[in-house]
């Protein structure tokens, strides 16, 4: 049976599965990783005693806009307060 057969019978790929880095660890301790280029793929063939490993995708280091906006609101509040204090001291 092929690699996709075993993945499908184990419940299929999860939403965060990295399908391009599927690996097979053989009973002798060696391992092979799925390789692909354009439409060509080489899938390692699981043998008796093998383990199929499907890693998850790495977390994307995106911008947390809630934190950015919270920081911006704090700065704007501090600047506004300073302007009001300076204005009242001057008059």
PDB file of N, CA and C in Angstrom:
ATOM      1  N   UNK A   1       0.845  -1.188   0.000  1.00  0.00           N
ATOM      2  CA  UNK A   1       0.000   0.000   0.000  1.00  0.00           C
ATOM      3  C   UNK A   1       0.879   1.236   0.000  1.00  0.00           C
ATOM      4  N   UNK A   2       0.324   2.338  -0.506  1.00  0.00           N
ATOM      5  CA  UNK A   2       1.087   3.575  -0.600  1.00  0.00           C
ATOM      6  C   UNK A   2       0.965   4.442   0.634  1.00  0.00           C
ATOM      7  N   UNK A   3       1.730   5.500   0.657  1.00  0.00           N
ATOM      8  CA  UNK A   3       1.755   6.436   1.772  1.00  0.00           C
ATOM      9  C   UNK A   3       0.389   7.070   2.007  1.00  0.00           C
ATOM     10  N   UNK A   4      -0.276   7.491   0.945  1.00  0.00           N
ATOM     11  CA  UNK A   4      -1.587   8.140   1.087  1.00  0.00           C
ATOM     12  C   UNK A   4      -2.637   7.190   1.656  1.00  0.00           C
ATOM     13  N   UNK A   5      -2.518   5.901   1.380  1.00  0.00           N
ATOM     14  CA  UNK A   5      -3.441   4.907   1.926  1.00  0.00           C
ATOM     15  C   UNK A   5      -3.367   4.907   3.457  1.00  0.00           C
ATOM     16  N   UNK A   6      -2.149   4.886   3.989  1.00  0.00           N
ATOM     17  CA  UNK A   6      -1.987   4.834   5.441  1.00  0.00           C
ATOM     18  C   UNK A   6      -2.417   6.138   6.101  1.00  0.00           C
ATOM     19  N   UNK A   7      -2.133   7.264   5.481  1.00  0.00           N
ATOM     20  CA  UNK A   7      -2.566   8.549   6.034  1.00  0.00           C
ATOM     21  C   UNK A   7      -4.091   8.621   6.039  1.00  0.00           C
ATOM     22  N   UNK A   8      -4.716   8.200   4.950  1.00  0.00           N
ATOM     23  CA  UNK A   8      -6.179   8.233   4.857  1.00  0.00           C
ATOM     24  C   UNK A   8      -6.821   7.328   5.907  1.00  0.00           C
ATOM     25  N   UNK A   9      -6.249   6.156   6.144  1.00  0.00           N
ATOM     26  CA  UNK A   9      -6.819   5.225   7.118  1.00  0.00           C
ATOM     27  C   UNK A   9      -6.541   5.628   8.559  1.00  0.00           C
ATOM     28  N   UNK A  10      -5.625   6.560   8.748  1.00  0.00           N
ATOM     29  CA  UNK A  10      -5.373   7.078  10.093  1.00  0.00           C
ATOM     30  C   UNK A  10      -6.241   8.299  10.380  1.00  0.00           C
ATOM     31  N   UNK A  11      -7.095   8.679   9.445  1.00  0.00           N
ATOM     32  CA  UNK A  11      -7.990   9.808   9.661  1.00  0.00           C
ATOM     33  C   UNK A  11      -7.736  10.969   8.730  1.00  0.00           C
ATOM     34  N   UNK A  12      -6.731  10.856   7.870  1.00  0.00           N
ATOM     35  CA  UNK A  12      -6.448  11.923   6.915  1.00  0.00           C
ATOM     36  C   UNK A  12      -5.587  13.008   7.527  1.00  0.00           C
ATOM     37  N   UNK A  13      -5.329  14.012   6.715  1.00  0.00           N
ATOM     38  CA  UNK A  13      -4.490  15.132   7.150  1.00  0.00           C
ATOM     39  C   UNK A  13      -5.309  16.100   7.990  1.00  0.00           C
ATOM     40  N   UNK A  14      -4.696  16.638   9.030  1.00  0.00           N
ATOM     41  CA  UNK A  14      -5.321  17.673   9.852  1.00  0.00           C
ATOM     42  C   UNK A  14      -5.206  19.006   9.119  1.00  0.00           C
ATOM     43  N   UNK A  15      -5.893  20.001   9.593  1.00  0.00           N
ATOM     44  CA  UNK A  15      -5.886  21.304   8.939  1.00  0.00           C
ATOM     45  C   UNK A  15      -4.516  21.953   8.892  1.00  0.00           C
ATOM     46  N   UNK A  16      -3.697  21.738   9.905  1.00  0.00           N
ATOM     47  CA  UNK A  16      -2.372  22.344   9.961  1.00  0.00           C
ATOM     48  C   UNK A  16      -1.263  21.391   9.530  1.00  0.00           C
ATOM     49  N   UNK A  17      -1.624  20.289   8.869  1.00  0.00           N
ATOM     50  CA  UNK A  17      -0.618  19.312   8.449  1.00  0.00           C
ATOM     51  C   UNK A  17       0.244  19.863   7.324  1.00  0.00           C
ATOM     52  N   UNK A  18       1.539  19.602   7.418  1.00  0.00           N
ATOM     53  CA  UNK A  18       2.475  19.997   6.365  1.00  0.00           C
ATOM     54  C   UNK A  18       2.643  18.798   5.434  1.00  0.00           C
ATOM     55  N   UNK A  19       1.797  18.734   4.417  1.00  0.00           N
ATOM     56  CA  UNK A  19       1.759  17.579   3.521  1.00  0.00           C
ATOM     57  C   UNK A  19       3.041  17.411   2.718  1.00  0.00           C
ATOM     58  N   UNK A  20       3.812  18.461   2.579  1.00  0.00           N
ATOM     59  CA  UNK A  20       5.042  18.385   1.802  1.00  0.00           C
ATOM     60  C   UNK A  20       6.216  17.795   2.559  1.00  0.00           C
ATOM     61  N   UNK A  21       6.090  17.638   3.881  1.00  0.00           N
ATOM     62  CA  UNK A  21       7.206  17.111   4.675  1.00  0.00           C
ATOM     63  C   UNK A  21       6.847  15.802   5.371  1.00  0.00           C
ATOM     64  N   UNK A  22       5.953  15.017   4.779  1.00  0.00           N
ATOM     65  CA  UNK A  22       5.584  13.726   5.345  1.00  0.00           C
ATOM     66  C   UNK A  22       6.808  12.817   5.295  1.00  0.00           C
ATOM     67  N   UNK A  23       7.041  12.098   6.373  1.00  0.00           N
ATOM     68  CA  UNK A  23       8.209  11.221   6.448  1.00  0.00           C
ATOM     69  C   UNK A  23       7.792   9.820   6.862  1.00  0.00           C
ATOM     70  N   UNK A  24       8.607   8.862   6.475  1.00  0.00           N
ATOM     71  CA  UNK A  24       8.419   7.477   6.895  1.00  0.00           C
ATOM     72  C   UNK A  24       9.672   7.058   7.640  1.00  0.00           C
ATOM     73  N   UNK A  25       9.507   6.603   8.889  1.00  0.00           N
ATOM     74  CA  UNK A  25      10.630   6.070   9.660  1.00  0.00           C
ATOM     75  C   UNK A  25      10.505   4.553   9.620  1.00  0.00           C
ATOM     76  N   UNK A  26      11.549   3.932   9.099  1.00  0.00           N
ATOM     77  CA  UNK A  26      11.551   2.484   8.920  1.00  0.00           C
ATOM     78  C   UNK A  26      11.979   1.775  10.197  1.00  0.00           C
ATOM     79  N   UNK A  27      11.699   0.473  10.258  1.00  0.00           N
ATOM     80  CA  UNK A  27      11.998  -0.322  11.447  1.00  0.00           C
ATOM     81  C   UNK A  27      13.492  -0.346  11.760  1.00  0.00           C
ATOM     82  N   UNK A  28      14.341  -0.177  10.752  1.00  0.00           N
ATOM     83  CA  UNK A  28      15.794  -0.190  10.992  1.00  0.00           C
ATOM     84  C   UNK A  28      16.326   1.155  11.486  1.00  0.00           C
ATOM     85  N   UNK A  29      15.456   2.159  11.648  1.00  0.00           N
ATOM     86  CA  UNK A  29      15.855   3.462  12.165  1.00  0.00           C
ATOM     87  C   UNK A  29      16.074   4.511  11.095  1.00  0.00           C
ATOM     88  N   UNK A  30      16.163   4.119   9.844  1.00  0.00           N
ATOM     89  CA  UNK A  30      16.342   5.096   8.776  1.00  0.00           C
ATOM     90  C   UNK A  30      15.015   5.787   8.483  1.00  0.00           C
ATOM     91  N   UNK A  31      15.093   6.897   7.768  1.00  0.00           N
ATOM     92  CA  UNK A  31      13.885   7.654   7.452  1.00  0.00           C
ATOM     93  C   UNK A  31      14.015   8.252   6.064  1.00  0.00           C
ATOM     94  N   UNK A  32      12.865   8.435   5.422  1.00  0.00           N
ATOM     95  CA  UNK A  32      12.809   9.113   4.127  1.00  0.00           C
ATOM     96  C   UNK A  32      11.677  10.128   4.186  1.00  0.00           C
ATOM     97  N   UNK A  33      11.908  11.283   3.555  1.00  0.00           N
ATOM     98  CA  UNK A  33      10.933  12.369   3.539  1.00  0.00           C
ATOM     99  C   UNK A  33      10.375  12.500   2.134  1.00  0.00           C
ATOM    100  N   UNK A  34       9.096  12.859   2.046  1.00  0.00           N
ATOM    101  CA  UNK A  34       8.460  13.095   0.747  1.00  0.00           C
ATOM    102  C   UNK A  34       9.128  14.288   0.085  1.00  0.00           C
ATOM    103  N   UNK A  35       9.486  14.120  -1.179  1.00  0.00           N
ATOM    104  CA  UNK A  35      10.087  15.199  -1.952  1.00  0.00           C
ATOM    105  C   UNK A  35       9.181  15.507  -3.127  1.00  0.00           C
ATOM    106  N   UNK A  36       9.159  16.751  -3.537  1.00  0.00           N
ATOM    107  CA  UNK A  36       8.349  17.113  -4.683  1.00  0.00           C
ATOM    108  C   UNK A  36       8.876  18.350  -5.371  1.00  0.00           C
ATOM    109  N   UNK A  37       8.672  18.375  -6.684  1.00  0.00           N
ATOM    110  CA  UNK A  37       9.043  19.530  -7.486  1.00  0.00           C
ATOM    111  C   UNK A  37       8.002  19.660  -8.569  1.00  0.00           C
ATOM    112  N   UNK A  38       7.308  20.793  -8.582  1.00  0.00           N
ATOM    113  CA  UNK A  38       6.206  21.039  -9.508  1.00  0.00           C
ATOM    114  C   UNK A  38       5.189  19.914  -9.403  1.00  0.00           C
ATOM    115  N   UNK A  39       5.038  19.121 -10.448  1.00  0.00           N
ATOM    116  CA  UNK A  39       4.035  18.054 -10.429  1.00  0.00           C
ATOM    117  C   UNK A  39       4.634  16.694 -10.108  1.00  0.00           C
ATOM    118  N   UNK A  40       5.934  16.629  -9.908  1.00  0.00           N
ATOM    119  CA  UNK A  40       6.610  15.368  -9.616  1.00  0.00           C
ATOM    120  C   UNK A  40       6.763  15.202  -8.112  1.00  0.00           C
ATOM    121  N   UNK A  41       6.345  14.051  -7.606  1.00  0.00           N
ATOM    122  CA  UNK A  41       6.470  13.761  -6.182  1.00  0.00           C
ATOM    123  C   UNK A  41       7.110  12.396  -6.005  1.00  0.00           C
ATOM    124  N   UNK A  42       7.943  12.279  -5.008  1.00  0.00           N
ATOM    125  CA  UNK A  42       8.473  10.974  -4.649  1.00  0.00           C
ATOM    126  C   UNK A  42       7.997  10.668  -3.240  1.00  0.00           C
ATOM    127  N   UNK A  43       7.125   9.709  -3.122  1.00  0.00           N
ATOM    128  CA  UNK A  43       6.587   9.314  -1.834  1.00  0.00           C
ATOM    129  C   UNK A  43       7.360   8.110  -1.319  1.00  0.00           C
ATOM    130  N   UNK A  44       7.874   8.174  -0.098  1.00  0.00           N
ATOM    131  CA  UNK A  44       8.523   6.998   0.465  1.00  0.00           C
ATOM    132  C   UNK A  44       7.487   5.902   0.693  1.00  0.00           C
ATOM    133  N   UNK A  45       7.882   4.679   0.464  1.00  0.00           N
ATOM    134  CA  UNK A  45       6.950   3.552   0.594  1.00  0.00           C
ATOM    135  C   UNK A  45       7.051   2.957   1.991  1.00  0.00           C
ATOM    136  N   UNK A  46       5.953   2.980   2.755  1.00  0.00           N
ATOM    137  CA  UNK A  46       5.979   2.369   4.084  1.00  0.00           C
ATOM    138  C   UNK A  46       6.129   0.849   3.970  1.00  0.00           C
ATOM    139  N   UNK A  47       6.979   0.299   4.803  1.00  0.00           N
ATOM    140  CA  UNK A  47       7.206  -1.144   4.869  1.00  0.00           C
ATOM    141  C   UNK A  47       6.693  -1.648   6.210  1.00  0.00           C
ATOM    142  N   UNK A  48       6.583  -2.951   6.399  1.00  0.00           N
ATOM    143  CA  UNK A  48       6.139  -3.470   7.697  1.00  0.00           C
ATOM    144  C   UNK A  48       7.025  -2.948   8.831  1.00  0.00           C
ATOM    145  N   UNK A  49       6.401  -2.444   9.879  1.00  0.00           N
ATOM    146  CA  UNK A  49       7.113  -1.901  11.029  1.00  0.00           C
ATOM    147  C   UNK A  49       7.441  -0.422  10.899  1.00  0.00           C
ATOM    148  N   UNK A  50       7.029   0.209   9.812  1.00  0.00           N
ATOM    149  CA  UNK A  50       7.320   1.626   9.589  1.00  0.00           C
ATOM    150  C   UNK A  50       6.335   2.513  10.340  1.00  0.00           C
ATOM    151  N   UNK A  51       6.757   3.753  10.571  1.00  0.00           N
ATOM    152  CA  UNK A  51       5.907   4.764  11.177  1.00  0.00           C
ATOM    153  C   UNK A  51       5.818   5.943  10.222  1.00  0.00           C
ATOM    154  N   UNK A  52       4.594   6.401   9.969  1.00  0.00           N
ATOM    155  CA  UNK A  52       4.383   7.555   9.102  1.00  0.00           C
ATOM    156  C   UNK A  52       4.247   8.794   9.985  1.00  0.00           C
ATOM    157  N   UNK A  53       5.073   9.809   9.710  1.00  0.00           N
ATOM    158  CA  UNK A  53       5.081  11.037  10.503  1.00  0.00           C
ATOM    159  C   UNK A  53       4.608  12.205   9.642  1.00  0.00           C
ATOM    160  N   UNK A  54       3.598  12.930  10.120  1.00  0.00           N
ATOM    161  CA  UNK A  54       3.088  14.104   9.412  1.00  0.00           C
ATOM    162  C   UNK A  54       3.273  15.305  10.334  1.00  0.00           C
ATOM    163  N   UNK A  55       4.266  16.156  10.053  1.00  0.00           N
ATOM    164  CA  UNK A  55       4.489  17.319  10.925  1.00  0.00           C
ATOM    165  C   UNK A  55       3.448  18.400  10.681  1.00  0.00           C
ATOM    166  N   UNK A  56       3.326  19.299  11.643  1.00  0.00           N
ATOM    167  CA  UNK A  56       2.413  20.427  11.457  1.00  0.00           C
ATOM    168  C   UNK A  56       3.173  21.591  10.839  1.00  0.00           C
ATOM    169  N   UNK A  57       2.432  22.489  10.204  1.00  0.00           N
ATOM    170  CA  UNK A  57       3.038  23.673   9.597  1.00  0.00           C
ATOM    171  C   UNK A  57       3.557  24.581  10.692  1.00  0.00           C
ATOM    172  N   UNK A  58       4.685  25.241  10.452  1.00  0.00           N
ATOM    173  CA  UNK A  58       5.181  26.180  11.466  1.00  0.00           C
ATOM    174  C   UNK A  58       4.233  27.368  11.605  1.00  0.00           C
ATOM    175  N   UNK A  59       4.171  27.912  12.806  1.00  0.00           N
ATOM    176  CA  UNK A  59       3.325  29.083  13.059  1.00  0.00           C
ATOM    177  C   UNK A  59       3.825  30.267  12.244  1.00  0.00           C
ATOM    178  N   UNK A  60       2.899  30.941  11.640  1.00  0.00           N
ATOM    179  CA  UNK A  60       3.253  32.152  10.886  1.00  0.00           C
ATOM    180  C   UNK A  60       3.458  33.294  11.876  1.00  0.00           C
ATOM    181  N   UNK A  61       4.554  33.998  11.720  1.00  0.00           N
ATOM    182  CA  UNK A  61       4.839  35.118  12.618  1.00  0.00           C
ATOM    183  C   UNK A  61       4.197  36.374  12.045  1.00  0.00           C
ATOM    184  N   UNK A  62       2.891  36.475  12.223  1.00  0.00           N
ATOM    185  CA  UNK A  62       2.152  37.619  11.707  1.00  0.00           C
ATOM    186  C   UNK A  62       2.103  38.749  12.726  1.00  0.00           C
ATOM    187  N   UNK A  63       1.523  39.851  12.319  1.00  0.00           N
ATOM    188  CA  UNK A  63       1.395  41.020  13.183  1.00  0.00           C
ATOM    189  C   UNK A  63       0.117  40.871  14.003  1.00  0.00           C
ATOM    190  N   UNK A  64       0.245  41.047  15.304  1.00  0.00           N
ATOM    191  CA  UNK A  64      -0.925  41.023  16.178  1.00  0.00           C
ATOM    192  C   UNK A  64      -1.459  42.451  16.253  1.00  0.00           C
ATOM    193  N   UNK A  65      -2.464  42.726  15.437  1.00  0.00           N
ATOM    194  CA  UNK A  65      -2.965  44.096  15.305  1.00  0.00           C
ATOM    195  C   UNK A  65      -3.624  44.605  16.575  1.00  0.00           C
ATOM    196  N   UNK A  66      -4.160  43.742  17.395  1.00  0.00           N
ATOM    197  CA  UNK A  66      -4.765  44.188  18.651  1.00  0.00           C
ATOM    198  C   UNK A  66      -3.700  44.782  19.564  1.00  0.00           C
ATOM    199  N   UNK A  67      -2.521  44.155  19.603  1.00  0.00           N
ATOM    200  CA  UNK A  67      -1.431  44.673  20.428  1.00  0.00           C
ATOM    201  C   UNK A  67      -0.926  46.004  19.867  1.00  0.00           C
ATOM    202  N   UNK A  68      -0.790  46.075  18.544  1.00  0.00           N
ATOM    203  CA  UNK A  68      -0.316  47.314  17.909  1.00  0.00           C
ATOM    204  C   UNK A  68      -1.288  48.457  18.179  1.00  0.00           C
ATOM    205  N   UNK A  69      -2.563  48.228  18.000  1.00  0.00           N
ATOM    206  CA  UNK A  69      -3.563  49.271  18.203  1.00  0.00           C
ATOM    207  C   UNK A  69      -3.651  49.669  19.678  1.00  0.00           C
ATOM    208  N   UNK A  70      -3.510  48.709  20.583  1.00  0.00           N
ATOM    209  CA  UNK A  70      -3.520  49.025  22.017  1.00  0.00           C
ATOM    210  C   UNK A  70      -2.350  49.920  22.397  1.00  0.00           C
ATOM    211  N   UNK A  71      -1.168  49.599  21.875  1.00  0.00           N
ATOM    212  CA  UNK A  71       0.004  50.432  22.133  1.00  0.00           C
ATOM    213  C   UNK A  71      -0.148  51.823  21.559  1.00  0.00           C
ATOM    214  N   UNK A  72      -0.692  51.897  20.344  1.00  0.00           N
ATOM    215  CA  UNK A  72      -0.918  53.190  19.703  1.00  0.00           C
ATOM    216  C   UNK A  72      -1.916  54.033  20.507  1.00  0.00           C
ATOM    217  N   UNK A  73      -2.962  53.407  21.028  1.00  0.00           N
ATOM    218  CA  UNK A  73      -3.950  54.130  21.841  1.00  0.00           C
ATOM    219  C   UNK A  73      -3.314  54.667  23.122  1.00  0.00           C
ATOM    220  N   UNK A  74      -2.413  53.900  23.725  1.00  0.00           N
ATOM    221  CA  UNK A  74      -1.738  54.364  24.936  1.00  0.00           C
ATOM    222  C   UNK A  74      -0.848  55.570  24.644  1.00  0.00           C
ATOM    223  N   UNK A  75      -0.120  55.513  23.548  1.00  0.00           N
ATOM    224  CA  UNK A  75       0.757  56.632  23.184  1.00  0.00           C
ATOM    225  C   UNK A  75      -0.069  57.881  22.904  1.00  0.00           C
ATOM    226  N   UNK A  76      -1.144  57.742  22.137  1.00  0.00           N
ATOM    227  CA  UNK A  76      -1.996  58.892  21.810  1.00  0.00           C
ATOM    228  C   UNK A  76      -2.619  59.489  23.070  1.00  0.00           C
ATOM    229  N   UNK A  77      -3.009  58.651  24.006  1.00  0.00           N
ATOM    230  CA  UNK A  77      -3.584  59.126  25.263  1.00  0.00           C
ATOM    231  C   UNK A  77      -2.549  59.899  26.068  1.00  0.00           C
ATOM    232  N   UNK A  78      -1.326  59.399  26.131  1.00  0.00           N
ATOM    233  CA  UNK A  78      -0.266  60.084  26.873  1.00  0.00           C
ATOM    234  C   UNK A  78       0.072  61.422  26.233  1.00  0.00           C
ATOM    235  N   UNK A  79       0.145  61.467  24.899  1.00  0.00           N
ATOM    236  CA  UNK A  79       0.452  62.715  24.203  1.00  0.00           C
ATOM    237  C   UNK A  79      -0.662  63.736  24.420  1.00  0.00           C
ATOM    238  N   UNK A  80      -1.901  63.312  24.336  1.00  0.00           N
ATOM    239  CA  UNK A  80      -3.040  64.211  24.552  1.00  0.00           C
ATOM    240  C   UNK A  80      -3.014  64.771  25.972  1.00  0.00           C
ATOM    241  N   UNK A  81      -2.734  63.924  26.940  1.00  0.00           N
ATOM    242  CA  UNK A  81      -2.666  64.374  28.338  1.00  0.00           C
ATOM    243  C   UNK A  81      -1.555  65.398  28.520  1.00  0.00           C
ATOM    244  N   UNK A  82      -0.397  65.138  27.924  1.00  0.00           N
ATOM    245  CA  UNK A  82       0.716  66.096  28.038  1.00  0.00           C
ATOM    246  C   UNK A  82       0.358  67.435  27.405  1.00  0.00           C
ATOM    247  N   UNK A  83      -0.289  67.413  26.260  1.00  0.00           N
ATOM    248  CA  UNK A  83      -0.681  68.666  25.593  1.00  0.00           C
ATOM    249  C   UNK A  83      -1.656  69.444  26.464  1.00  0.00           C
ATOM    250  N   UNK A  84      -2.644  68.778  27.042  1.00  0.00           N
ATOM    251  CA  UNK A  84      -3.617  69.458  27.905  1.00  0.00           C
ATOM    252  C   UNK A  84      -2.959  70.042  29.147  1.00  0.00           C
ATOM    253  N   UNK A  85      -2.037  69.325  29.769  1.00  0.00           N
ATOM    254  CA  UNK A  85      -1.352  69.812  30.960  1.00  0.00           C
ATOM    255  C   UNK A  85      -0.506  71.033  30.623  1.00  0.00           C
ATOM    256  N   UNK A  86       0.255  70.969  29.528  1.00  0.00           N
ATOM    257  CA  UNK A  86       1.094  72.089  29.105  1.00  0.00           C
ATOM    258  C   UNK A  86       0.236  73.293  28.780  1.00  0.00           C
ATOM    259  N   UNK A  87      -0.893  73.081  28.124  1.00  0.00           N
ATOM    260  CA  UNK A  87      -1.806  74.172  27.737  1.00  0.00           C
ATOM    261  C   UNK A  87      -2.381  74.851  28.981  1.00  0.00           C
ATOM    262  N   UNK A  88      -2.738  74.088  29.994  1.00  0.00           N
ATOM    263  CA  UNK A  88      -3.330  74.671  31.204  1.00  0.00           C
ATOM    264  C   UNK A  88      -2.283  75.386  32.063  1.00  0.00           C
ATOM    265  N   UNK A  89      -1.048  74.873  32.022  1.00  0.00           N
ATOM    266  CA  UNK A  89       0.011  75.542  32.787  1.00  0.00           C
ATOM    267  C   UNK A  89       0.389  76.861  32.154  1.00  0.00           C
ATOM    268  N   UNK A  90       0.284  76.946  30.832  1.00  0.00           N
ATOM    269  CA  UNK A  90       0.647  78.160  30.121  1.00  0.00           C
ATOM    270  C   UNK A  90      -0.361  79.277  30.280  1.00  0.00           C
ATOM    271  N   UNK A  91      -1.616  78.960  30.625  1.00  0.00           N
ATOM    272  CA  UNK A  91      -2.617  80.033  30.706  1.00  0.00           C
ATOM    273  C   UNK A  91      -2.903  80.477  32.112  1.00  0.00           C
TER     274      UNK A  91
END
